[in-house]
Structures are given as structure tokens and as C-alpha cells.
């Protein structure tokens, strides 16, 4: 009986170590540093809509052109434009993790020169946004901030 116990314990230990290895690698990969540079133009009158474009770059050298769309509703009125906005992602394993719809809520008041700072979430991935621009906006809204891969440009 003792002869069978040692191989079974050894196999169980090897299986446990093998299962722990991918988890450790995933935790390390989740520290991929990715940033967003973007421009966004929008309007609101109860319904809020903004569209824009940007580029996501990661420390591993990957980059992706993206399309940005923000939709929501609430008590809002105005129009705005943000150029050279920035964003920083957290808990990213690979560049594709940045794609999708993030939960968004904001309160804004601005005239002529205005700025924004928001933290958005999508599952475990978070996005901290900052930007300055021009416009007039007043209100409170909730909605989604969607980042999708940009299509090919026509030549």
C-alpha cells in the first residue's frame, strides 16, 4: 500500500503545480500597461451621444486604431469637443481586452473651455480618462462608452 501512496501523492503534487503555473502567468500578464489617445465630439439634449477615434498603445509594442462611441441618457443639454484626450487602462492581459463597452456616469458643467476626468469599468478592466476641450454642457447622464477596432481606411 505504501508503494502506491507515494506515486499518487507525487502525481497530485505535480498536478497542483501545473495548475498553479498558468495562474501565475496570467497575473503577471494582467499588468500590461496600455494607454489611449483620443478625440471625441458630442452633443446632448436628454439623449447624449459622442463619437471619436483614437489609438491604444501597449508597452509590449502593440497598437490598435479604435473607434469610440458614447451613448447615454439623463438630464443633459449641450455640445462639446475633446482633442488629445488620454486614458490609462488597468488589469489588461492583452490589447484586445480594451475593446468593449464600459459603464459610464458623469456630471458636467462647462462653458467654452472645459475638461473631463472619469473612471470607467468593464468587468475587471478599468479606464481612467482625462481630456480638455471646448463646448457648452450641463447635466447628469449615465450610459456606455464603447471602444471598437477601427475599420480600414480607404485610400
N, C-alpha and C. Protein backbone atom coordinates (compact mmCIF):
# COMPACT_ATOMS: atom_id res chain seq x y z
N UNK A 1 0.79 -1.19 0.00
CA UNK A 1 0.00 0.00 0.00
C UNK A 1 0.84 1.26 0.00
N UNK A 2 1.93 1.25 0.73
CA UNK A 2 2.80 2.42 0.77
C UNK A 2 3.42 2.69 -0.60
N UNK A 3 3.64 1.67 -1.38
CA UNK A 3 4.21 1.86 -2.70
C UNK A 3 3.28 2.68 -3.59
N UNK A 4 1.97 2.54 -3.46
CA UNK A 4 1.01 3.27 -4.27
C UNK A 4 0.78 4.69 -3.75
N UNK A 5 0.98 4.91 -2.47
CA UNK A 5 0.72 6.22 -1.87
C UNK A 5 1.69 7.26 -2.39
N UNK A 6 2.96 6.96 -2.48
CA UNK A 6 3.96 7.93 -2.92
C UNK A 6 3.72 8.36 -4.37
N UNK A 7 3.49 7.45 -5.33
CA UNK A 7 3.21 7.91 -6.69
C UNK A 7 1.92 8.74 -6.77
N UNK A 8 0.89 8.40 -6.01
CA UNK A 8 -0.36 9.16 -6.05
C UNK A 8 -0.13 10.55 -5.49
N UNK A 9 0.59 10.66 -4.37
CA UNK A 9 0.90 11.97 -3.80
C UNK A 9 1.78 12.78 -4.75
N UNK A 10 2.74 12.12 -5.37
CA UNK A 10 3.61 12.80 -6.33
C UNK A 10 2.83 13.31 -7.53
N UNK A 11 1.91 12.51 -8.02
CA UNK A 11 1.07 12.92 -9.16
C UNK A 11 0.17 14.08 -8.77
N UNK A 12 -0.40 14.02 -7.56
CA UNK A 12 -1.26 15.11 -7.08
C UNK A 12 -0.47 16.40 -6.93
N UNK A 13 0.75 16.30 -6.40
CA UNK A 13 1.60 17.47 -6.25
C UNK A 13 1.98 18.05 -7.61
N UNK A 14 2.33 17.21 -8.56
CA UNK A 14 2.68 17.67 -9.92
C UNK A 14 1.48 18.34 -10.59
N UNK A 15 0.29 17.77 -10.41
CA UNK A 15 -0.91 18.35 -10.99
C UNK A 15 -1.20 19.72 -10.37
N UNK A 16 -1.04 19.81 -9.05
CA UNK A 16 -1.25 21.09 -8.37
C UNK A 16 -0.28 22.16 -8.85
N UNK A 17 0.98 21.81 -9.04
CA UNK A 17 1.97 22.77 -9.54
C UNK A 17 1.66 23.17 -10.97
N UNK A 18 1.24 22.23 -11.78
CA UNK A 18 0.92 22.53 -13.18
C UNK A 18 -0.27 23.48 -13.26
N UNK A 19 -1.24 23.30 -12.38
CA UNK A 19 -2.41 24.18 -12.39
C UNK A 19 -2.05 25.57 -11.87
N UNK A 20 -1.09 25.67 -10.98
CA UNK A 20 -0.70 26.97 -10.41
C UNK A 20 0.11 27.80 -11.41
N UNK A 21 0.84 27.17 -12.28
CA UNK A 21 1.70 27.88 -13.24
C UNK A 21 0.92 28.82 -14.15
N UNK A 22 -0.14 28.38 -14.84
CA UNK A 22 -0.86 29.32 -15.71
C UNK A 22 -1.47 30.48 -14.95
N UNK A 23 -1.92 30.25 -13.71
CA UNK A 23 -2.50 31.33 -12.92
C UNK A 23 -1.46 32.39 -12.62
N UNK A 24 -0.26 32.01 -12.29
CA UNK A 24 0.80 32.97 -12.02
C UNK A 24 1.13 33.76 -13.28
N UNK A 25 1.20 33.09 -14.43
CA UNK A 25 1.49 33.78 -15.69
C UNK A 25 0.38 34.77 -16.01
N UNK A 26 -0.88 34.40 -15.78
CA UNK A 26 -2.00 35.29 -16.07
C UNK A 26 -1.94 36.53 -15.20
N UNK A 27 -1.57 36.38 -13.92
CA UNK A 27 -1.48 37.53 -13.03
C UNK A 27 -0.40 38.49 -13.51
N UNK A 28 0.72 37.94 -14.00
CA UNK A 28 1.79 38.80 -14.50
C UNK A 28 1.36 39.52 -15.78
N UNK A 29 0.66 38.82 -16.67
CA UNK A 29 0.22 39.41 -17.92
C UNK A 29 -0.83 40.49 -17.70
N UNK A 30 -1.58 40.42 -16.58
CA UNK A 30 -2.62 41.40 -16.30
C UNK A 30 -2.02 42.78 -16.04
N UNK A 31 -0.73 42.86 -15.90
CA UNK A 31 -0.06 44.14 -15.65
C UNK A 31 0.37 44.82 -16.94
N UNK A 32 -0.16 44.41 -18.08
CA UNK A 32 0.19 45.03 -19.35
C UNK A 32 -0.26 46.48 -19.34
N UNK A 33 0.67 47.38 -19.52
CA UNK A 33 0.40 48.82 -19.48
C UNK A 33 -0.07 49.27 -20.85
N UNK A 34 -1.34 49.70 -20.94
CA UNK A 34 -1.90 50.19 -22.20
C UNK A 34 -2.50 51.58 -21.99
N UNK A 35 -2.33 52.43 -23.00
CA UNK A 35 -2.82 53.80 -22.93
C UNK A 35 -3.64 54.13 -24.16
N UNK A 36 -4.52 55.13 -24.02
CA UNK A 36 -5.39 55.57 -25.09
C UNK A 36 -5.17 57.04 -25.34
N UNK A 37 -5.04 57.42 -26.60
CA UNK A 37 -5.05 58.83 -27.02
C UNK A 37 -6.27 58.97 -27.91
N UNK A 38 -7.10 60.01 -27.67
CA UNK A 38 -8.35 60.08 -28.40
C UNK A 38 -8.84 61.51 -28.62
N UNK A 39 -9.75 61.65 -29.58
CA UNK A 39 -10.52 62.86 -29.84
C UNK A 39 -11.97 62.44 -29.85
N UNK A 40 -12.85 63.33 -29.35
CA UNK A 40 -14.25 62.99 -29.19
C UNK A 40 -15.11 64.23 -29.39
N UNK A 41 -16.17 64.10 -30.17
CA UNK A 41 -17.10 65.20 -30.40
C UNK A 41 -18.50 64.69 -30.06
N UNK A 42 -19.27 65.51 -29.33
CA UNK A 42 -20.59 65.04 -28.94
C UNK A 42 -21.60 66.14 -28.74
N UNK A 43 -22.84 65.72 -28.55
CA UNK A 43 -23.95 66.61 -28.29
C UNK A 43 -24.90 65.91 -27.32
N UNK A 44 -25.74 66.69 -26.68
CA UNK A 44 -26.74 66.10 -25.81
C UNK A 44 -27.96 67.00 -25.68
N UNK A 45 -29.10 66.39 -25.64
CA UNK A 45 -30.36 67.03 -25.33
C UNK A 45 -31.23 65.88 -24.81
N UNK A 46 -31.16 65.65 -23.55
CA UNK A 46 -31.72 64.50 -22.84
C UNK A 46 -30.95 63.24 -23.23
N UNK A 47 -30.88 62.93 -24.52
CA UNK A 47 -30.07 61.81 -25.01
C UNK A 47 -28.67 62.36 -25.28
N UNK A 48 -27.65 61.62 -24.86
CA UNK A 48 -26.27 62.07 -25.04
C UNK A 48 -25.57 61.15 -26.03
N UNK A 49 -24.86 61.73 -26.99
CA UNK A 49 -24.15 60.94 -28.00
C UNK A 49 -22.82 61.63 -28.33
N UNK A 50 -21.76 60.85 -28.37
CA UNK A 50 -20.44 61.37 -28.77
C UNK A 50 -19.74 60.30 -29.59
N UNK A 51 -18.97 60.74 -30.57
CA UNK A 51 -18.19 59.84 -31.41
C UNK A 51 -16.78 60.37 -31.54
N UNK A 52 -15.86 59.44 -31.74
CA UNK A 52 -14.49 59.85 -31.93
C UNK A 52 -13.61 58.70 -32.37
N UNK A 53 -12.33 58.94 -32.29
CA UNK A 53 -11.36 57.95 -32.69
C UNK A 53 -10.13 58.08 -31.81
N UNK A 54 -9.30 57.06 -31.85
CA UNK A 54 -8.09 57.10 -31.04
C UNK A 54 -7.15 55.97 -31.38
N UNK A 55 -6.10 55.87 -30.59
CA UNK A 55 -5.12 54.81 -30.74
C UNK A 55 -4.78 54.28 -29.35
N UNK A 56 -4.84 52.95 -29.22
CA UNK A 56 -4.41 52.28 -27.99
C UNK A 56 -3.00 51.77 -28.24
N UNK A 57 -2.09 52.06 -27.33
CA UNK A 57 -0.72 51.55 -27.41
C UNK A 57 -0.38 50.85 -26.10
N UNK A 58 0.31 49.74 -26.21
CA UNK A 58 0.70 48.96 -25.04
C UNK A 58 2.21 48.88 -24.95
N UNK A 59 2.71 48.65 -23.74
CA UNK A 59 4.15 48.62 -23.51
C UNK A 59 4.85 47.48 -24.24
N UNK A 60 4.09 46.46 -24.68
CA UNK A 60 4.72 45.35 -25.41
C UNK A 60 4.90 45.66 -26.90
N UNK A 61 4.59 46.91 -27.31
CA UNK A 61 4.80 47.34 -28.69
C UNK A 61 3.56 47.24 -29.56
N UNK A 62 2.49 46.63 -29.08
CA UNK A 62 1.28 46.52 -29.88
C UNK A 62 0.51 47.84 -29.86
N UNK A 63 -0.17 48.12 -30.96
CA UNK A 63 -1.04 49.29 -31.03
C UNK A 63 -2.25 48.95 -31.91
N UNK A 64 -3.34 49.70 -31.69
CA UNK A 64 -4.56 49.45 -32.44
C UNK A 64 -5.33 50.76 -32.58
N UNK A 65 -5.74 51.06 -33.82
CA UNK A 65 -6.61 52.20 -34.04
C UNK A 65 -8.01 51.81 -33.58
N UNK A 66 -8.69 52.73 -32.88
CA UNK A 66 -10.01 52.41 -32.34
C UNK A 66 -11.03 53.49 -32.67
N UNK A 67 -12.28 53.06 -32.67
CA UNK A 67 -13.42 53.95 -32.81
C UNK A 67 -14.06 54.04 -31.43
N UNK A 68 -14.51 55.23 -31.05
CA UNK A 68 -15.11 55.44 -29.74
C UNK A 68 -16.51 55.98 -29.93
N UNK A 69 -17.44 55.44 -29.16
CA UNK A 69 -18.82 55.93 -29.20
C UNK A 69 -19.36 55.92 -27.77
N UNK A 70 -19.96 57.02 -27.40
CA UNK A 70 -20.53 57.15 -26.07
C UNK A 70 -22.01 57.49 -26.22
N UNK A 71 -22.85 56.70 -25.57
CA UNK A 71 -24.30 56.92 -25.64
C UNK A 71 -24.86 56.86 -24.23
N UNK A 72 -25.86 57.67 -23.98
CA UNK A 72 -26.49 57.63 -22.68
C UNK A 72 -27.71 58.51 -22.62
N UNK A 73 -28.24 58.62 -21.46
CA UNK A 73 -29.42 59.45 -21.27
C UNK A 73 -29.38 60.07 -19.89
N UNK A 74 -30.19 61.08 -19.71
CA UNK A 74 -30.26 61.77 -18.44
C UNK A 74 -30.74 63.18 -18.66
N UNK A 75 -30.43 64.05 -17.74
CA UNK A 75 -30.83 65.45 -17.84
C UNK A 75 -29.63 66.24 -18.34
N UNK A 76 -29.46 66.28 -19.65
CA UNK A 76 -28.29 66.94 -20.23
C UNK A 76 -28.68 67.84 -21.39
N UNK A 77 -27.85 68.83 -21.64
CA UNK A 77 -28.01 69.69 -22.81
C UNK A 77 -26.65 70.28 -23.13
N UNK A 78 -26.28 70.29 -24.41
CA UNK A 78 -25.04 70.93 -24.80
C UNK A 78 -24.32 70.22 -25.93
N UNK A 79 -23.14 70.72 -26.23
CA UNK A 79 -22.27 70.09 -27.22
C UNK A 79 -20.83 70.33 -26.77
N UNK A 80 -19.95 69.41 -27.18
CA UNK A 80 -18.56 69.52 -26.74
C UNK A 80 -17.62 68.84 -27.72
N UNK A 81 -16.35 69.15 -27.58
CA UNK A 81 -15.30 68.57 -28.42
C UNK A 81 -14.05 68.43 -27.57
N UNK A 82 -13.47 67.24 -27.57
CA UNK A 82 -12.22 66.99 -26.84
C UNK A 82 -11.16 66.55 -27.83
N UNK A 83 -10.02 67.21 -27.81
CA UNK A 83 -8.85 66.82 -28.61
C UNK A 83 -7.75 66.39 -27.67
N UNK A 84 -6.94 65.45 -28.11
CA UNK A 84 -5.77 64.99 -27.35
C UNK A 84 -6.14 64.51 -25.96
N UNK A 85 -7.27 63.80 -25.84
CA UNK A 85 -7.63 63.17 -24.58
C UNK A 85 -6.72 61.99 -24.32
N UNK A 86 -6.60 61.61 -23.07
CA UNK A 86 -5.75 60.47 -22.70
C UNK A 86 -6.53 59.51 -21.81
N UNK A 87 -6.11 58.27 -21.84
CA UNK A 87 -6.70 57.25 -20.99
C UNK A 87 -5.66 56.23 -20.61
N UNK A 88 -5.86 55.63 -19.43
CA UNK A 88 -4.95 54.59 -18.96
C UNK A 88 -5.80 53.40 -18.51
N UNK A 89 -5.48 52.23 -19.05
CA UNK A 89 -6.20 51.00 -18.73
C UNK A 89 -5.52 50.27 -17.59
N UNK A 90 -6.30 49.55 -16.78
CA UNK A 90 -5.74 48.68 -15.74
C UNK A 90 -6.34 47.29 -15.88
N UNK A 91 -5.61 46.31 -15.43
CA UNK A 91 -5.99 44.90 -15.43
C UNK A 91 -6.16 44.36 -16.85
N UNK A 92 -5.21 44.69 -17.72
CA UNK A 92 -5.23 44.24 -19.12
C UNK A 92 -4.26 43.07 -19.29
N UNK A 93 -4.75 41.98 -19.91
CA UNK A 93 -3.91 40.81 -20.22
C UNK A 93 -3.34 40.91 -21.63
N UNK A 94 -4.18 41.38 -22.58
CA UNK A 94 -3.78 41.52 -23.98
C UNK A 94 -4.52 42.71 -24.55
N UNK A 95 -4.04 43.27 -25.65
CA UNK A 95 -4.60 44.51 -26.19
C UNK A 95 -6.10 44.38 -26.50
N UNK A 96 -6.56 43.20 -26.89
CA UNK A 96 -7.98 43.02 -27.20
C UNK A 96 -8.88 43.22 -25.98
N UNK A 97 -8.33 43.13 -24.78
CA UNK A 97 -9.12 43.33 -23.56
C UNK A 97 -9.68 44.74 -23.44
N UNK A 98 -9.09 45.70 -24.15
CA UNK A 98 -9.56 47.09 -24.05
C UNK A 98 -10.85 47.31 -24.84
N UNK A 99 -11.18 46.41 -25.76
CA UNK A 99 -12.38 46.57 -26.59
C UNK A 99 -13.63 46.21 -25.79
N UNK A 100 -14.73 46.91 -26.08
CA UNK A 100 -15.99 46.60 -25.42
C UNK A 100 -16.65 47.85 -24.88
N UNK A 101 -17.73 47.66 -24.12
CA UNK A 101 -18.50 48.78 -23.57
C UNK A 101 -18.23 48.92 -22.08
N UNK A 102 -17.85 50.10 -21.69
CA UNK A 102 -17.57 50.44 -20.31
C UNK A 102 -18.76 51.17 -19.71
N UNK A 103 -19.07 50.90 -18.45
CA UNK A 103 -20.14 51.62 -17.76
C UNK A 103 -19.66 53.05 -17.52
N UNK A 104 -20.57 54.00 -17.75
CA UNK A 104 -20.18 55.41 -17.67
C UNK A 104 -21.26 56.19 -16.95
N UNK A 105 -20.85 57.09 -16.10
CA UNK A 105 -21.75 58.03 -15.46
C UNK A 105 -20.99 59.32 -15.28
N UNK A 106 -21.63 60.45 -15.54
CA UNK A 106 -20.91 61.70 -15.34
C UNK A 106 -21.85 62.84 -15.00
N UNK A 107 -21.26 63.81 -14.39
CA UNK A 107 -21.93 65.08 -14.13
C UNK A 107 -21.02 66.13 -14.72
N UNK A 108 -21.58 67.03 -15.51
CA UNK A 108 -20.72 68.00 -16.18
C UNK A 108 -21.35 69.38 -16.20
N UNK A 109 -20.48 70.36 -16.14
CA UNK A 109 -20.88 71.75 -16.30
C UNK A 109 -19.68 72.47 -16.88
N UNK A 110 -19.85 73.08 -18.03
CA UNK A 110 -18.72 73.75 -18.65
C UNK A 110 -19.19 74.71 -19.72
N UNK A 111 -18.41 75.74 -19.93
CA UNK A 111 -18.71 76.70 -20.99
C UNK A 111 -17.39 77.10 -21.64
N UNK A 112 -17.34 77.11 -22.94
CA UNK A 112 -16.18 77.43 -23.77
C UNK A 112 -15.06 76.43 -23.50
N UNK A 113 -14.18 76.66 -22.56
CA UNK A 113 -13.11 75.72 -22.24
C UNK A 113 -13.61 74.81 -21.13
N UNK A 114 -13.53 73.51 -21.34
CA UNK A 114 -14.00 72.59 -20.30
C UNK A 114 -13.07 71.39 -20.25
N UNK A 115 -13.22 70.59 -19.22
CA UNK A 115 -12.39 69.42 -19.06
C UNK A 115 -13.20 68.27 -18.51
N UNK A 116 -12.64 67.06 -18.60
CA UNK A 116 -13.31 65.89 -18.08
C UNK A 116 -12.29 64.95 -17.45
N UNK A 117 -12.72 64.25 -16.43
CA UNK A 117 -11.93 63.19 -15.81
C UNK A 117 -12.94 62.14 -15.35
N UNK A 118 -12.79 60.92 -15.80
CA UNK A 118 -13.73 59.85 -15.47
C UNK A 118 -12.98 58.54 -15.31
N UNK A 119 -13.55 57.65 -14.51
CA UNK A 119 -13.07 56.28 -14.42
C UNK A 119 -14.22 55.39 -14.85
N UNK A 120 -13.99 54.57 -15.86
CA UNK A 120 -15.00 53.69 -16.42
C UNK A 120 -14.59 52.24 -16.17
N UNK A 121 -15.57 51.34 -16.09
CA UNK A 121 -15.26 49.93 -15.86
C UNK A 121 -15.98 49.03 -16.85
N UNK A 122 -15.30 47.91 -17.14
CA UNK A 122 -15.85 46.85 -17.99
C UNK A 122 -15.33 45.55 -17.42
N UNK A 123 -16.13 44.89 -16.61
CA UNK A 123 -15.64 43.68 -15.94
C UNK A 123 -14.49 44.06 -15.01
N UNK A 124 -13.34 43.42 -15.17
CA UNK A 124 -12.20 43.74 -14.32
C UNK A 124 -11.33 44.84 -14.91
N UNK A 125 -11.54 45.18 -16.18
CA UNK A 125 -10.74 46.22 -16.83
C UNK A 125 -11.32 47.59 -16.50
N UNK A 126 -10.46 48.52 -16.11
CA UNK A 126 -10.88 49.90 -15.84
C UNK A 126 -10.14 50.84 -16.79
N UNK A 127 -10.76 51.99 -17.04
CA UNK A 127 -10.18 53.00 -17.92
C UNK A 127 -10.35 54.35 -17.25
N UNK A 128 -9.23 55.02 -16.97
CA UNK A 128 -9.26 56.37 -16.42
C UNK A 128 -9.04 57.34 -17.57
N UNK A 129 -10.00 58.24 -17.79
CA UNK A 129 -9.95 59.19 -18.90
C UNK A 129 -9.68 60.60 -18.39
N UNK A 130 -8.95 61.37 -19.18
CA UNK A 130 -8.75 62.79 -18.89
C UNK A 130 -8.69 63.51 -20.23
N UNK A 131 -9.25 64.70 -20.27
CA UNK A 131 -9.21 65.46 -21.51
C UNK A 131 -9.69 66.87 -21.30
N UNK A 132 -9.31 67.73 -22.20
CA UNK A 132 -9.74 69.12 -22.17
C UNK A 132 -10.22 69.48 -23.56
N UNK A 133 -11.17 70.40 -23.62
CA UNK A 133 -11.68 70.78 -24.92
C UNK A 133 -12.54 72.02 -24.84
N UNK A 134 -13.42 72.14 -25.81
CA UNK A 134 -14.29 73.30 -25.89
C UNK A 134 -15.73 72.84 -25.99
N UNK A 135 -16.63 73.69 -25.50
CA UNK A 135 -18.04 73.38 -25.64
C UNK A 135 -18.85 73.94 -24.49
N UNK A 136 -20.13 73.66 -24.55
CA UNK A 136 -21.06 74.06 -23.52
C UNK A 136 -21.85 72.83 -23.16
N UNK A 137 -21.84 72.47 -21.88
CA UNK A 137 -22.57 71.28 -21.47
C UNK A 137 -23.00 71.42 -20.03
N UNK A 138 -24.20 70.95 -19.75
CA UNK A 138 -24.73 70.99 -18.40
C UNK A 138 -25.60 69.76 -18.22
N UNK A 139 -25.37 69.01 -17.15
CA UNK A 139 -26.25 67.89 -16.88
C UNK A 139 -25.61 66.72 -16.20
N UNK A 140 -26.43 65.69 -16.02
CA UNK A 140 -26.02 64.43 -15.42
C UNK A 140 -26.50 63.33 -16.35
N UNK A 141 -25.63 62.36 -16.63
CA UNK A 141 -26.04 61.29 -17.54
C UNK A 141 -25.40 59.97 -17.13
N UNK A 142 -26.00 58.88 -17.60
CA UNK A 142 -25.42 57.55 -17.45
C UNK A 142 -25.49 56.88 -18.81
N UNK A 143 -24.63 55.92 -19.02
CA UNK A 143 -24.65 55.25 -20.31
C UNK A 143 -23.45 54.36 -20.50
N UNK A 144 -23.05 54.20 -21.76
CA UNK A 144 -21.93 53.34 -22.09
C UNK A 144 -20.92 54.05 -22.96
N UNK A 145 -19.67 53.67 -22.79
CA UNK A 145 -18.54 54.20 -23.55
C UNK A 145 -17.95 53.00 -24.27
N UNK A 146 -18.15 52.92 -25.60
CA UNK A 146 -17.76 51.74 -26.35
C UNK A 146 -16.49 51.99 -27.17
N UNK A 147 -15.54 51.08 -27.03
CA UNK A 147 -14.31 51.11 -27.81
C UNK A 147 -14.32 49.91 -28.73
N UNK A 148 -14.23 50.14 -30.04
CA UNK A 148 -14.19 49.05 -31.01
C UNK A 148 -13.01 49.26 -31.95
N UNK A 149 -12.59 48.19 -32.57
CA UNK A 149 -11.48 48.27 -33.50
C UNK A 149 -11.91 49.07 -34.72
N UNK A 150 -11.08 50.03 -35.13
CA UNK A 150 -11.40 50.89 -36.28
C UNK A 150 -11.25 50.09 -37.56
N UNK A 151 -12.11 50.40 -38.54
CA UNK A 151 -12.04 49.74 -39.85
C UNK A 151 -10.86 50.26 -40.64
N UNK A 152 -10.62 49.62 -41.74
CA UNK A 152 -9.53 50.03 -42.64
C UNK A 152 -9.90 51.34 -43.31
N UNK A 153 -8.91 52.20 -43.47
CA UNK A 153 -9.11 53.47 -44.17
C UNK A 153 -9.13 53.22 -45.67
N UNK A 154 -9.97 53.99 -46.38
CA UNK A 154 -10.00 53.91 -47.84
C UNK A 154 -8.88 54.78 -48.38
N UNK A 155 -8.20 54.28 -49.41
CA UNK A 155 -7.09 55.05 -50.00
C UNK A 155 -7.52 55.70 -51.27
